[in-house]
């Protein structure tokens, strides 16, 4: 499996460069995020969800990217002020290696809820 787009996406995420992140997603990308109940579909919709998050987050620290036969996962820490959460992104790639589906998981729940609350207040 070619991970060129994954590595470029991770680097763009660490820079908080949304346009570069979107370059490595398929047009019909589906995002499952703890920030909203329903899946987010398409780059334009993802932009609306991710812009406020990138403004709030101080940094993403990626620790590991793991590859399976059809999926790729990354493990990272997300820092928002004094809050830190463990995160995992689970990606399904298309034939071109672009991210076709992305599921984001954060823990522990109280920290994830506090970050979501800050996003709501910032809106």
PDB file of N, CA and C in Angstrom:
ATOM      1  N   UNK A   1       0.853  -1.176   0.000  1.00  0.00           N
ATOM      2  CA  UNK A   1       0.000   0.000   0.000  1.00  0.00           C
ATOM      3  C   UNK A   1       0.898   1.239   0.000  1.00  0.00           C
ATOM      4  N   UNK A   2       0.551   2.197  -0.838  1.00  0.00           N
ATOM      5  CA  UNK A   2       1.322   3.438  -0.946  1.00  0.00           C
ATOM      6  C   UNK A   2       0.817   4.431   0.098  1.00  0.00           C
ATOM      7  N   UNK A   3       1.688   4.839   1.019  1.00  0.00           N
ATOM      8  CA  UNK A   3       1.308   5.734   2.104  1.00  0.00           C
ATOM      9  C   UNK A   3       1.755   7.184   1.872  1.00  0.00           C
ATOM     10  N   UNK A   4       2.067   7.525   0.630  1.00  0.00           N
ATOM     11  CA  UNK A   4       2.520   8.879   0.314  1.00  0.00           C
ATOM     12  C   UNK A   4       1.514   9.921   0.792  1.00  0.00           C
ATOM     13  N   UNK A   5       0.230   9.706   0.486  1.00  0.00           N
ATOM     14  CA  UNK A   5      -0.792  10.678   0.888  1.00  0.00           C
ATOM     15  C   UNK A   5      -0.957  10.709   2.408  1.00  0.00           C
ATOM     16  N   UNK A   6      -0.833   9.564   3.053  1.00  0.00           N
ATOM     17  CA  UNK A   6      -0.971   9.511   4.516  1.00  0.00           C
ATOM     18  C   UNK A   6       0.135  10.322   5.181  1.00  0.00           C
ATOM     19  N   UNK A   7       1.369  10.100   4.762  1.00  0.00           N
ATOM     20  CA  UNK A   7       2.484  10.822   5.384  1.00  0.00           C
ATOM     21  C   UNK A   7       2.374  12.334   5.130  1.00  0.00           C
ATOM     22  N   UNK A   8       1.942  12.702   3.933  1.00  0.00           N
ATOM     23  CA  UNK A   8       1.759  14.125   3.628  1.00  0.00           C
ATOM     24  C   UNK A   8       0.591  14.708   4.437  1.00  0.00           C
ATOM     25  N   UNK A   9      -0.471  13.931   4.614  1.00  0.00           N
ATOM     26  CA  UNK A   9      -1.617  14.377   5.415  1.00  0.00           C
ATOM     27  C   UNK A   9      -1.201  14.606   6.863  1.00  0.00           C
ATOM     28  N   UNK A  10      -0.455  13.657   7.433  1.00  0.00           N
ATOM     29  CA  UNK A  10       0.002  13.781   8.822  1.00  0.00           C
ATOM     30  C   UNK A  10       0.865  15.028   8.984  1.00  0.00           C
ATOM     31  N   UNK A  11       1.778  15.255   8.055  1.00  0.00           N
ATOM     32  CA  UNK A  11       2.635  16.447   8.126  1.00  0.00           C
ATOM     33  C   UNK A  11       1.790  17.723   8.040  1.00  0.00           C
ATOM     34  N   UNK A  12       0.787  17.733   7.156  1.00  0.00           N
ATOM     35  CA  UNK A  12      -0.083  18.901   7.026  1.00  0.00           C
ATOM     36  C   UNK A  12      -0.908  19.112   8.295  1.00  0.00           C
ATOM     37  N   UNK A  13      -1.352  18.023   8.913  1.00  0.00           N
ATOM     38  CA  UNK A  13      -2.122  18.130  10.151  1.00  0.00           C
ATOM     39  C   UNK A  13      -1.268  18.715  11.264  1.00  0.00           C
ATOM     40  N   UNK A  14      -0.016  18.314  11.338  1.00  0.00           N
ATOM     41  CA  UNK A  14       0.876  18.855  12.362  1.00  0.00           C
ATOM     42  C   UNK A  14       1.130  20.348  12.142  1.00  0.00           C
ATOM     43  N   UNK A  15       1.101  20.790  10.885  1.00  0.00           N
ATOM     44  CA  UNK A  15       1.251  22.220  10.566  1.00  0.00           C
ATOM     45  C   UNK A  15      -0.078  22.966  10.679  1.00  0.00           C
ATOM     46  N   UNK A  16      -1.163  22.209  10.870  1.00  0.00           N
ATOM     47  CA  UNK A  16      -2.525  22.747  10.893  1.00  0.00           C
ATOM     48  C   UNK A  16      -2.854  23.457   9.573  1.00  0.00           C
ATOM     49  N   UNK A  17      -2.451  22.829   8.473  1.00  0.00           N
ATOM     50  CA  UNK A  17      -2.646  23.347   7.119  1.00  0.00           C
ATOM     51  C   UNK A  17      -3.812  22.590   6.472  1.00  0.00           C
ATOM     52  N   UNK A  18      -5.010  23.123   6.636  1.00  0.00           N
ATOM     53  CA  UNK A  18      -6.208  22.423   6.175  1.00  0.00           C
ATOM     54  C   UNK A  18      -6.217  22.214   4.666  1.00  0.00           C
ATOM     55  N   UNK A  19      -5.805  23.205   3.894  1.00  0.00           N
ATOM     56  CA  UNK A  19      -5.804  23.035   2.440  1.00  0.00           C
ATOM     57  C   UNK A  19      -4.918  21.865   2.027  1.00  0.00           C
ATOM     58  N   UNK A  20      -3.760  21.742   2.630  1.00  0.00           N
ATOM     59  CA  UNK A  20      -2.874  20.613   2.319  1.00  0.00           C
ATOM     60  C   UNK A  20      -3.491  19.302   2.802  1.00  0.00           C
ATOM     61  N   UNK A  21      -4.165  19.318   3.948  1.00  0.00           N
ATOM     62  CA  UNK A  21      -4.838  18.107   4.429  1.00  0.00           C
ATOM     63  C   UNK A  21      -5.885  17.653   3.407  1.00  0.00           C
ATOM     64  N   UNK A  22      -6.694  18.595   2.928  1.00  0.00           N
ATOM     65  CA  UNK A  22      -7.755  18.262   1.972  1.00  0.00           C
ATOM     66  C   UNK A  22      -7.204  17.726   0.660  1.00  0.00           C
ATOM     67  N   UNK A  23      -6.000  18.147   0.276  1.00  0.00           N
ATOM     68  CA  UNK A  23      -5.369  17.653  -0.955  1.00  0.00           C
ATOM     69  C   UNK A  23      -5.162  16.142  -0.916  1.00  0.00           C
ATOM     70  N   UNK A  24      -5.117  15.573   0.259  1.00  0.00           N
ATOM     71  CA  UNK A  24      -4.829  14.142   0.396  1.00  0.00           C
ATOM     72  C   UNK A  24      -6.076  13.324   0.732  1.00  0.00           C
ATOM     73  N   UNK A  25      -7.246  13.960   0.550  1.00  0.00           N
ATOM     74  CA  UNK A  25      -8.528  13.299   0.759  1.00  0.00           C
ATOM     75  C   UNK A  25      -9.241  13.150  -0.577  1.00  0.00           C
ATOM     76  N   UNK A  26      -9.960  12.045  -0.727  1.00  0.00           N
ATOM     77  CA  UNK A  26     -10.792  11.845  -1.912  1.00  0.00           C
ATOM     78  C   UNK A  26     -11.932  12.867  -1.889  1.00  0.00           C
ATOM     79  N   UNK A  27     -12.459  13.204  -3.047  1.00  0.00           N
ATOM     80  CA  UNK A  27     -13.544  14.193  -3.123  1.00  0.00           C
ATOM     81  C   UNK A  27     -14.746  13.769  -2.290  1.00  0.00           C
ATOM     82  N   UNK A  28     -15.068  12.497  -2.276  1.00  0.00           N
ATOM     83  CA  UNK A  28     -16.222  11.996  -1.533  1.00  0.00           C
ATOM     84  C   UNK A  28     -15.893  11.537  -0.125  1.00  0.00           C
ATOM     85  N   UNK A  29     -14.845  12.075   0.461  1.00  0.00           N
ATOM     86  CA  UNK A  29     -14.391  11.692   1.804  1.00  0.00           C
ATOM     87  C   UNK A  29     -15.553  11.658   2.793  1.00  0.00           C
ATOM     88  N   UNK A  30     -15.516  10.667   3.680  1.00  0.00           N
ATOM     89  CA  UNK A  30     -16.475  10.565   4.782  1.00  0.00           C
ATOM     90  C   UNK A  30     -15.676  10.640   6.078  1.00  0.00           C
ATOM     91  N   UNK A  31     -16.047  11.579   6.942  1.00  0.00           N
ATOM     92  CA  UNK A  31     -15.380  11.775   8.221  1.00  0.00           C
ATOM     93  C   UNK A  31     -16.332  11.405   9.353  1.00  0.00           C
ATOM     94  N   UNK A  32     -15.895  10.485  10.193  1.00  0.00           N
ATOM     95  CA  UNK A  32     -16.601  10.133  11.422  1.00  0.00           C
ATOM     96  C   UNK A  32     -15.784  10.723  12.557  1.00  0.00           C
ATOM     97  N   UNK A  33     -16.359  11.709  13.255  1.00  0.00           N
ATOM     98  CA  UNK A  33     -15.626  12.457  14.257  1.00  0.00           C
ATOM     99  C   UNK A  33     -16.406  12.513  15.558  1.00  0.00           C
ATOM    100  N   UNK A  34     -15.718  12.590  16.687  1.00  0.00           N
ATOM    101  CA  UNK A  34     -16.434  12.728  17.952  1.00  0.00           C
ATOM    102  C   UNK A  34     -17.071  14.111  18.129  1.00  0.00           C
ATOM    103  N   UNK A  35     -16.823  15.013  17.202  1.00  0.00           N
ATOM    104  CA  UNK A  35     -17.327  16.377  17.335  1.00  0.00           C
ATOM    105  C   UNK A  35     -18.761  16.554  16.867  1.00  0.00           C
ATOM    106  N   UNK A  36     -19.228  15.660  15.991  1.00  0.00           N
ATOM    107  CA  UNK A  36     -20.609  15.713  15.504  1.00  0.00           C
ATOM    108  C   UNK A  36     -21.158  14.291  15.443  1.00  0.00           C
ATOM    109  N   UNK A  37     -22.479  14.163  15.584  1.00  0.00           N
ATOM    110  CA  UNK A  37     -23.099  12.841  15.667  1.00  0.00           C
ATOM    111  C   UNK A  37     -23.108  12.102  14.333  1.00  0.00           C
ATOM    112  N   UNK A  38     -23.383  12.803  13.253  1.00  0.00           N
ATOM    113  CA  UNK A  38     -23.515  12.157  11.945  1.00  0.00           C
ATOM    114  C   UNK A  38     -22.207  12.243  11.162  1.00  0.00           C
ATOM    115  N   UNK A  39     -21.975  11.292  10.256  1.00  0.00           N
ATOM    116  CA  UNK A  39     -20.785  11.401   9.398  1.00  0.00           C
ATOM    117  C   UNK A  39     -20.805  12.698   8.595  1.00  0.00           C
ATOM    118  N   UNK A  40     -19.635  13.243   8.367  1.00  0.00           N
ATOM    119  CA  UNK A  40     -19.460  14.465   7.578  1.00  0.00           C
ATOM    120  C   UNK A  40     -18.974  14.017   6.202  1.00  0.00           C
ATOM    121  N   UNK A  41     -19.672  14.429   5.156  1.00  0.00           N
ATOM    122  CA  UNK A  41     -19.343  13.945   3.810  1.00  0.00           C
ATOM    123  C   UNK A  41     -18.917  15.091   2.902  1.00  0.00           C
ATOM    124  N   UNK A  42     -17.783  14.901   2.242  1.00  0.00           N
ATOM    125  CA  UNK A  42     -17.281  15.874   1.272  1.00  0.00           C
ATOM    126  C   UNK A  42     -16.336  16.886   1.892  1.00  0.00           C
ATOM    127  N   UNK A  43     -15.445  17.383   1.065  1.00  0.00           N
ATOM    128  CA  UNK A  43     -14.411  18.310   1.536  1.00  0.00           C
ATOM    129  C   UNK A  43     -14.980  19.622   2.065  1.00  0.00           C
ATOM    130  N   UNK A  44     -16.013  20.150   1.430  1.00  0.00           N
ATOM    131  CA  UNK A  44     -16.583  21.427   1.884  1.00  0.00           C
ATOM    132  C   UNK A  44     -17.168  21.280   3.288  1.00  0.00           C
ATOM    133  N   UNK A  45     -17.859  20.184   3.535  1.00  0.00           N
ATOM    134  CA  UNK A  45     -18.439  19.951   4.863  1.00  0.00           C
ATOM    135  C   UNK A  45     -17.345  19.710   5.900  1.00  0.00           C
ATOM    136  N   UNK A  46     -16.300  19.012   5.505  1.00  0.00           N
ATOM    137  CA  UNK A  46     -15.185  18.766   6.430  1.00  0.00           C
ATOM    138  C   UNK A  46     -14.523  20.087   6.809  1.00  0.00           C
ATOM    139  N   UNK A  47     -14.384  20.973   5.853  1.00  0.00           N
ATOM    140  CA  UNK A  47     -13.777  22.281   6.132  1.00  0.00           C
ATOM    141  C   UNK A  47     -14.544  22.988   7.256  1.00  0.00           C
ATOM    142  N   UNK A  48     -15.867  22.943   7.224  1.00  0.00           N
ATOM    143  CA  UNK A  48     -16.676  23.622   8.239  1.00  0.00           C
ATOM    144  C   UNK A  48     -16.455  23.043   9.632  1.00  0.00           C
ATOM    145  N   UNK A  49     -16.191  21.740   9.723  1.00  0.00           N
ATOM    146  CA  UNK A  49     -15.974  21.094  11.019  1.00  0.00           C
ATOM    147  C   UNK A  49     -14.535  21.294  11.502  1.00  0.00           C
ATOM    148  N   UNK A  50     -13.586  21.243  10.583  1.00  0.00           N
ATOM    149  CA  UNK A  50     -12.173  21.213  10.963  1.00  0.00           C
ATOM    150  C   UNK A  50     -11.588  22.603  11.204  1.00  0.00           C
ATOM    151  N   UNK A  51     -12.055  23.641  10.510  1.00  0.00           N
ATOM    152  CA  UNK A  51     -11.500  24.984  10.701  1.00  0.00           C
ATOM    153  C   UNK A  51     -11.545  25.401  12.170  1.00  0.00           C
ATOM    154  N   UNK A  52     -12.697  25.296  12.852  1.00  0.00           N
ATOM    155  CA  UNK A  52     -12.708  25.694  14.275  1.00  0.00           C
ATOM    156  C   UNK A  52     -11.792  24.828  15.139  1.00  0.00           C
ATOM    157  N   UNK A  53     -11.690  23.556  14.814  1.00  0.00           N
ATOM    158  CA  UNK A  53     -10.816  22.664  15.579  1.00  0.00           C
ATOM    159  C   UNK A  53      -9.361  23.096  15.445  1.00  0.00           C
ATOM    160  N   UNK A  54      -8.930  23.385  14.230  1.00  0.00           N
ATOM    161  CA  UNK A  54      -7.537  23.779  14.022  1.00  0.00           C
ATOM    162  C   UNK A  54      -7.213  25.103  14.707  1.00  0.00           C
ATOM    163  N   UNK A  55      -8.202  25.987  14.830  1.00  0.00           N
ATOM    164  CA  UNK A  55      -7.986  27.240  15.553  1.00  0.00           C
ATOM    165  C   UNK A  55      -7.778  26.988  17.044  1.00  0.00           C
ATOM    166  N   UNK A  56      -8.461  25.985  17.572  1.00  0.00           N
ATOM    167  CA  UNK A  56      -8.438  25.700  19.001  1.00  0.00           C
ATOM    168  C   UNK A  56      -7.230  24.867  19.426  1.00  0.00           C
ATOM    169  N   UNK A  57      -6.845  23.916  18.602  1.00  0.00           N
ATOM    170  CA  UNK A  57      -5.785  22.968  18.957  1.00  0.00           C
ATOM    171  C   UNK A  57      -4.424  23.658  18.945  1.00  0.00           C
ATOM    172  N   UNK A  58      -3.645  23.418  19.999  1.00  0.00           N
ATOM    173  CA  UNK A  58      -2.275  23.926  20.039  1.00  0.00           C
ATOM    174  C   UNK A  58      -1.347  23.068  19.184  1.00  0.00           C
ATOM    175  N   UNK A  59      -1.525  21.745  19.288  1.00  0.00           N
ATOM    176  CA  UNK A  59      -0.654  20.865  18.484  1.00  0.00           C
ATOM    177  C   UNK A  59      -1.196  19.448  18.434  1.00  0.00           C
ATOM    178  N   UNK A  60      -0.776  18.758  17.385  1.00  0.00           N
ATOM    179  CA  UNK A  60      -0.992  17.324  17.210  1.00  0.00           C
ATOM    180  C   UNK A  60       0.390  16.676  17.245  1.00  0.00           C
ATOM    181  N   UNK A  61       0.597  15.741  18.129  1.00  0.00           N
ATOM    182  CA  UNK A  61       1.875  15.026  18.212  1.00  0.00           C
ATOM    183  C   UNK A  61       1.645  13.582  17.793  1.00  0.00           C
ATOM    184  N   UNK A  62       2.058  13.250  16.572  1.00  0.00           N
ATOM    185  CA  UNK A  62       1.884  11.886  16.063  1.00  0.00           C
ATOM    186  C   UNK A  62       2.986  10.989  16.594  1.00  0.00           C
ATOM    187  N   UNK A  63       2.589   9.825  17.071  1.00  0.00           N
ATOM    188  CA  UNK A  63       3.534   8.868  17.633  1.00  0.00           C
ATOM    189  C   UNK A  63       3.796   7.693  16.717  1.00  0.00           C
ATOM    190  N   UNK A  64       2.786   7.259  15.992  1.00  0.00           N
ATOM    191  CA  UNK A  64       2.960   6.044  15.193  1.00  0.00           C
ATOM    192  C   UNK A  64       1.906   5.980  14.098  1.00  0.00           C
ATOM    193  N   UNK A  65       2.305   5.480  12.935  1.00  0.00           N
ATOM    194  CA  UNK A  65       1.388   5.161  11.844  1.00  0.00           C
ATOM    195  C   UNK A  65       1.534   3.672  11.582  1.00  0.00           C
ATOM    196  N   UNK A  66       0.392   2.975  11.592  1.00  0.00           N
ATOM    197  CA  UNK A  66       0.405   1.520  11.391  1.00  0.00           C
ATOM    198  C   UNK A  66      -0.417   1.178  10.148  1.00  0.00           C
ATOM    199  N   UNK A  67       0.086   0.218   9.395  1.00  0.00           N
ATOM    200  CA  UNK A  67      -0.548  -0.175   8.139  1.00  0.00           C
ATOM    201  C   UNK A  67      -1.072  -1.599   8.242  1.00  0.00           C
ATOM    202  N   UNK A  68      -2.319  -1.778   7.818  1.00  0.00           N
ATOM    203  CA  UNK A  68      -2.911  -3.104   7.709  1.00  0.00           C
ATOM    204  C   UNK A  68      -3.127  -3.424   6.246  1.00  0.00           C
ATOM    205  N   UNK A  69      -3.777  -4.536   5.944  1.00  0.00           N
ATOM    206  CA  UNK A  69      -3.962  -4.908   4.536  1.00  0.00           C
ATOM    207  C   UNK A  69      -4.840  -3.939   3.753  1.00  0.00           C
ATOM    208  N   UNK A  70      -5.825  -3.279   4.423  1.00  0.00           N
ATOM    209  CA  UNK A  70      -6.726  -2.378   3.707  1.00  0.00           C
ATOM    210  C   UNK A  70      -6.916  -1.040   4.401  1.00  0.00           C
ATOM    211  N   UNK A  71      -6.351  -0.889   5.586  1.00  0.00           N
ATOM    212  CA  UNK A  71      -6.543   0.331   6.362  1.00  0.00           C
ATOM    213  C   UNK A  71      -5.217   0.791   6.954  1.00  0.00           C
ATOM    214  N   UNK A  72      -5.205   2.062   7.375  1.00  0.00           N
ATOM    215  CA  UNK A  72      -4.043   2.650   8.028  1.00  0.00           C
ATOM    216  C   UNK A  72      -4.555   3.369   9.271  1.00  0.00           C
ATOM    217  N   UNK A  73      -3.788   3.311  10.349  1.00  0.00           N
ATOM    218  CA  UNK A  73      -4.152   4.002  11.582  1.00  0.00           C
ATOM    219  C   UNK A  73      -2.976   4.828  12.062  1.00  0.00           C
ATOM    220  N   UNK A  74      -3.301   5.896  12.777  1.00  0.00           N
ATOM    221  CA  UNK A  74      -2.251   6.678  13.421  1.00  0.00           C
ATOM    222  C   UNK A  74      -2.648   6.909  14.866  1.00  0.00           C
ATOM    223  N   UNK A  75      -1.646   7.009  15.709  1.00  0.00           N
ATOM    224  CA  UNK A  75      -1.846   7.306  17.119  1.00  0.00           C
ATOM    225  C   UNK A  75      -1.145   8.621  17.415  1.00  0.00           C
ATOM    226  N   UNK A  76      -1.830   9.504  18.150  1.00  0.00           N
ATOM    227  CA  UNK A  76      -1.305  10.844  18.389  1.00  0.00           C
ATOM    228  C   UNK A  76      -1.859  11.388  19.690  1.00  0.00           C
ATOM    229  N   UNK A  77      -1.306  12.518  20.091  1.00  0.00           N
ATOM    230  CA  UNK A  77      -1.835  13.286  21.213  1.00  0.00           C
ATOM    231  C   UNK A  77      -2.290  14.629  20.664  1.00  0.00           C
ATOM    232  N   UNK A  78      -3.441  15.089  21.136  1.00  0.00           N
ATOM    233  CA  UNK A  78      -3.958  16.400  20.768  1.00  0.00           C
ATOM    234  C   UNK A  78      -3.878  17.276  22.015  1.00  0.00           C
ATOM    235  N   UNK A  79      -3.318  18.473  21.881  1.00  0.00           N
ATOM    236  CA  UNK A  79      -3.167  19.391  23.016  1.00  0.00           C
ATOM    237  C   UNK A  79      -3.994  20.648  22.764  1.00  0.00           C
ATOM    238  N   UNK A  80      -4.811  20.980  23.769  1.00  0.00           N
ATOM    239  CA  UNK A  80      -5.619  22.198  23.742  1.00  0.00           C
ATOM    240  C   UNK A  80      -5.424  22.856  25.096  1.00  0.00           C
ATOM    241  N   UNK A  81      -4.569  23.878  25.133  1.00  0.00           N
ATOM    242  CA  UNK A  81      -4.252  24.498  26.422  1.00  0.00           C
ATOM    243  C   UNK A  81      -3.723  23.442  27.376  1.00  0.00           C
ATOM    244  N   UNK A  82      -4.282  23.371  28.597  1.00  0.00           N
ATOM    245  CA  UNK A  82      -3.801  22.381  29.564  1.00  0.00           C
ATOM    246  C   UNK A  82      -4.368  20.982  29.328  1.00  0.00           C
ATOM    247  N   UNK A  83      -5.272  20.840  28.358  1.00  0.00           N
ATOM    248  CA  UNK A  83      -5.902  19.544  28.086  1.00  0.00           C
ATOM    249  C   UNK A  83      -5.086  18.750  27.085  1.00  0.00           C
ATOM    250  N   UNK A  84      -5.002  17.453  27.315  1.00  0.00           N
ATOM    251  CA  UNK A  84      -4.352  16.552  26.359  1.00  0.00           C
ATOM    252  C   UNK A  84      -5.187  15.291  26.247  1.00  0.00           C
ATOM    253  N   UNK A  85      -5.411  14.866  25.016  1.00  0.00           N
ATOM    254  CA  UNK A  85      -6.174  13.650  24.755  1.00  0.00           C
ATOM    255  C   UNK A  85      -5.368  12.739  23.850  1.00  0.00           C
ATOM    256  N   UNK A  86      -5.525  11.447  24.063  1.00  0.00           N
ATOM    257  CA  UNK A  86      -4.978  10.464  23.135  1.00  0.00           C
ATOM    258  C   UNK A  86      -5.945  10.373  21.963  1.00  0.00           C
ATOM    259  N   UNK A  87      -5.393  10.279  20.774  1.00  0.00           N
ATOM    260  CA  UNK A  87      -6.239  10.176  19.594  1.00  0.00           C
ATOM    261  C   UNK A  87      -5.798   9.064  18.680  1.00  0.00           C
ATOM    262  N   UNK A  88      -6.740   8.596  17.886  1.00  0.00           N
ATOM    263  CA  UNK A  88      -6.458   7.617  16.847  1.00  0.00           C
ATOM    264  C   UNK A  88      -7.257   8.011  15.615  1.00  0.00           C
ATOM    265  N   UNK A  89      -6.602   8.040  14.483  1.00  0.00           N
ATOM    266  CA  UNK A  89      -7.274   8.190  13.196  1.00  0.00           C
ATOM    267  C   UNK A  89      -7.216   6.835  12.503  1.00  0.00           C
ATOM    268  N   UNK A  90      -8.345   6.416  11.972  1.00  0.00           N
ATOM    269  CA  UNK A  90      -8.452   5.145  11.252  1.00  0.00           C
ATOM    270  C   UNK A  90      -8.875   5.494   9.838  1.00  0.00           C
ATOM    271  N   UNK A  91      -8.024   5.199   8.851  1.00  0.00           N
ATOM    272  CA  UNK A  91      -8.254   5.621   7.475  1.00  0.00           C
ATOM    273  C   UNK A  91      -8.495   4.434   6.556  1.00  0.00           C
ATOM    274  N   UNK A  92      -9.457   4.597   5.655  1.00  0.00           N
ATOM    275  CA  UNK A  92      -9.627   3.681   4.527  1.00  0.00           C
ATOM    276  C   UNK A  92      -9.207   4.468   3.299  1.00  0.00           C
ATOM    277  N   UNK A  93      -8.331   3.884   2.504  1.00  0.00           N
ATOM    278  CA  UNK A  93      -7.785   4.576   1.336  1.00  0.00           C
ATOM    279  C   UNK A  93      -8.459   4.090   0.058  1.00  0.00           C
ATOM    280  N   UNK A  94      -8.515   4.978  -0.948  1.00  0.00           N
ATOM    281  CA  UNK A  94      -9.011   4.556  -2.258  1.00  0.00           C
ATOM    282  C   UNK A  94      -7.852   3.996  -3.081  1.00  0.00           C
ATOM    283  N   UNK A  95      -8.123   3.653  -4.320  1.00  0.00           N
ATOM    284  CA  UNK A  95      -7.098   3.034  -5.174  1.00  0.00           C
ATOM    285  C   UNK A  95      -5.908   3.950  -5.424  1.00  0.00           C
ATOM    286  N   UNK A  96      -6.128   5.264  -5.365  1.00  0.00           N
ATOM    287  CA  UNK A  96      -5.051   6.235  -5.583  1.00  0.00           C
ATOM    288  C   UNK A  96      -4.272   6.532  -4.304  1.00  0.00           C
ATOM    289  N   UNK A  97      -4.686   5.928  -3.189  1.00  0.00           N
ATOM    290  CA  UNK A  97      -4.016   6.171  -1.920  1.00  0.00           C
ATOM    291  C   UNK A  97      -4.545   7.391  -1.172  1.00  0.00           C
ATOM    292  N   UNK A  98      -5.606   8.024  -1.698  1.00  0.00           N
ATOM    293  CA  UNK A  98      -6.228   9.158  -1.018  1.00  0.00           C
ATOM    294  C   UNK A  98      -7.120   8.650   0.116  1.00  0.00           C
ATOM    295  N   UNK A  99      -7.310   9.470   1.121  1.00  0.00           N
ATOM    296  CA  UNK A  99      -8.156   9.092   2.251  1.00  0.00           C
ATOM    297  C   UNK A  99      -9.611   9.165   1.799  1.00  0.00           C
ATOM    298  N   UNK A 100     -10.290   8.003   1.795  1.00  0.00           N
ATOM    299  CA  UNK A 100     -11.694   7.925   1.379  1.00  0.00           C
ATOM    300  C   UNK A 100     -12.626   7.972   2.578  1.00  0.00           C
ATOM    301  N   UNK A 101     -12.154   7.459   3.713  1.00  0.00           N
ATOM    302  CA  UNK A 101     -12.949   7.483   4.943  1.00  0.00           C
ATOM    303  C   UNK A 101     -12.004   7.626   6.115  1.00  0.00           C
ATOM    304  N   UNK A 102     -12.414   8.439   7.074  1.00  0.00           N
ATOM    305  CA  UNK A 102     -11.579   8.715   8.240  1.00  0.00           C
ATOM    306  C   UNK A 102     -12.447   8.666   9.487  1.00  0.00           C
ATOM    307  N   UNK A 103     -12.039   7.849  10.443  1.00  0.00           N
ATOM    308  CA  UNK A 103     -12.722   7.780  11.732  1.00  0.00           C
ATOM    309  C   UNK A 103     -11.753   8.263  12.794  1.00  0.00           C
ATOM    310  N   UNK A 104     -12.196   9.237  13.583  1.00  0.00           N
ATOM    311  CA  UNK A 104     -11.372   9.854  14.624  1.00  0.00           C
ATOM    312  C   UNK A 104     -11.897   9.407  15.985  1.00  0.00           C
ATOM    313  N   UNK A 105     -11.003   8.958  16.834  1.00  0.00           N
ATOM    314  CA  UNK A 105     -11.352   8.563  18.200  1.00  0.00           C
ATOM    315  C   UNK A 105     -10.453   9.311  19.166  1.00  0.00           C
ATOM    316  N   UNK A 106     -11.045   9.822  20.254  1.00  0.00           N
ATOM    317  CA  UNK A 106     -10.289  10.510  21.306  1.00  0.00           C
ATOM    318  C   UNK A 106     -10.621   9.902  22.650  1.00  0.00           C
ATOM    319  N   UNK A 107      -9.666   9.915  23.556  1.00  0.00           N
ATOM    320  CA  UNK A 107      -9.896   9.483  24.928  1.00  0.00           C
ATOM    321  C   UNK A 107      -8.967  10.263  25.837  1.00  0.00           C
ATOM    322  N   UNK A 108      -9.246  10.431  27.081  1.00  0.00           N
ATOM    323  CA  UNK A 108     -10.427   9.968  27.811  1.00  0.00           C
ATOM    324  C   UNK A 108     -11.641  10.850  27.505  1.00  0.00           C
ATOM    325  N   UNK A 109     -12.800  10.291  27.738  1.00  0.00           N
ATOM    326  CA  UNK A 109     -14.052  10.963  27.412  1.00  0.00           C
ATOM    327  C   UNK A 109     -14.176  12.348  28.054  1.00  0.00           C
ATOM    328  N   UNK A 110     -13.826  12.540  29.332  1.00  0.00           N
ATOM    329  CA  UNK A 110     -13.971  13.889  29.905  1.00  0.00           C
ATOM    330  C   UNK A 110     -13.139  14.950  29.178  1.00  0.00           C
ATOM    331  N   UNK A 111     -11.963  14.598  28.719  1.00  0.00           N
ATOM    332  CA  UNK A 111     -11.128  15.554  27.985  1.00  0.00           C
ATOM    333  C   UNK A 111     -11.727  15.816  26.603  1.00  0.00           C
ATOM    334  N   UNK A 112     -12.166  14.763  25.919  1.00  0.00           N
ATOM    335  CA  UNK A 112     -12.805  14.933  24.611  1.00  0.00           C
ATOM    336  C   UNK A 112     -14.041  15.819  24.739  1.00  0.00           C
ATOM    337  N   UNK A 113     -14.829  15.605  25.787  1.00  0.00           N
ATOM    338  CA  UNK A 113     -16.026  16.424  26.013  1.00  0.00           C
ATOM    339  C   UNK A 113     -15.650  17.875  26.304  1.00  0.00           C
ATOM    340  N   UNK A 114     -14.584  18.092  27.058  1.00  0.00           N
ATOM    341  CA  UNK A 114     -14.141  19.459  27.368  1.00  0.00           C
ATOM    342  C   UNK A 114     -13.679  20.184  26.102  1.00  0.00           C
ATOM    343  N   UNK A 115     -12.980  19.473  25.213  1.00  0.00           N
ATOM    344  CA  UNK A 115     -12.545  20.074  23.951  1.00  0.00           C
ATOM    345  C   UNK A 115     -13.764  20.403  23.090  1.00  0.00           C
ATOM    346  N   UNK A 116     -14.710  19.477  23.005  1.00  0.00           N
ATOM    347  CA  UNK A 116     -15.936  19.727  22.235  1.00  0.00           C
ATOM    348  C   UNK A 116     -16.693  20.924  22.807  1.00  0.00           C
ATOM    349  N   UNK A 117     -16.721  21.044  24.120  1.00  0.00           N
ATOM    350  CA  UNK A 117     -17.397  22.179  24.762  1.00  0.00           C
ATOM    351  C   UNK A 117     -16.704  23.498  24.392  1.00  0.00           C
ATOM    352  N   UNK A 118     -15.385  23.496  24.391  1.00  0.00           N
ATOM    353  CA  UNK A 118     -14.649  24.712  23.995  1.00  0.00           C
ATOM    354  C   UNK A 118     -14.959  25.092  22.555  1.00  0.00           C
ATOM    355  N   UNK A 119     -15.099  24.086  21.696  1.00  0.00           N
ATOM    356  CA  UNK A 119     -15.436  24.365  20.295  1.00  0.00           C
ATOM    357  C   UNK A 119     -16.828  24.991  20.189  1.00  0.00           C
ATOM    358  N   UNK A 120     -17.761  24.501  20.979  1.00  0.00           N
ATOM    359  CA  UNK A 120     -19.113  25.048  20.976  1.00  0.00           C
ATOM    360  C   UNK A 120     -19.115  26.496  21.448  1.00  0.00           C
ATOM    361  N   UNK A 121     -18.341  26.772  22.502  1.00  0.00           N
ATOM    362  CA  UNK A 121     -18.263  28.150  23.011  1.00  0.00           C
ATOM    363  C   UNK A 121     -17.604  29.093  22.022  1.00  0.00           C
ATOM    364  N   UNK A 122     -16.647  28.586  21.245  1.00  0.00           N
ATOM    365  CA  UNK A 122     -15.924  29.419  20.283  1.00  0.00           C
ATOM    366  C   UNK A 122     -16.769  29.734  19.050  1.00  0.00           C
ATOM    367  N   UNK A 123     -17.792  28.919  18.811  1.00  0.00           N
ATOM    368  CA  UNK A 123     -18.611  29.095  17.593  1.00  0.00           C
ATOM    369  C   UNK A 123     -19.492  30.313  17.643  1.00  0.00           C
TER     370      UNK A 123
END
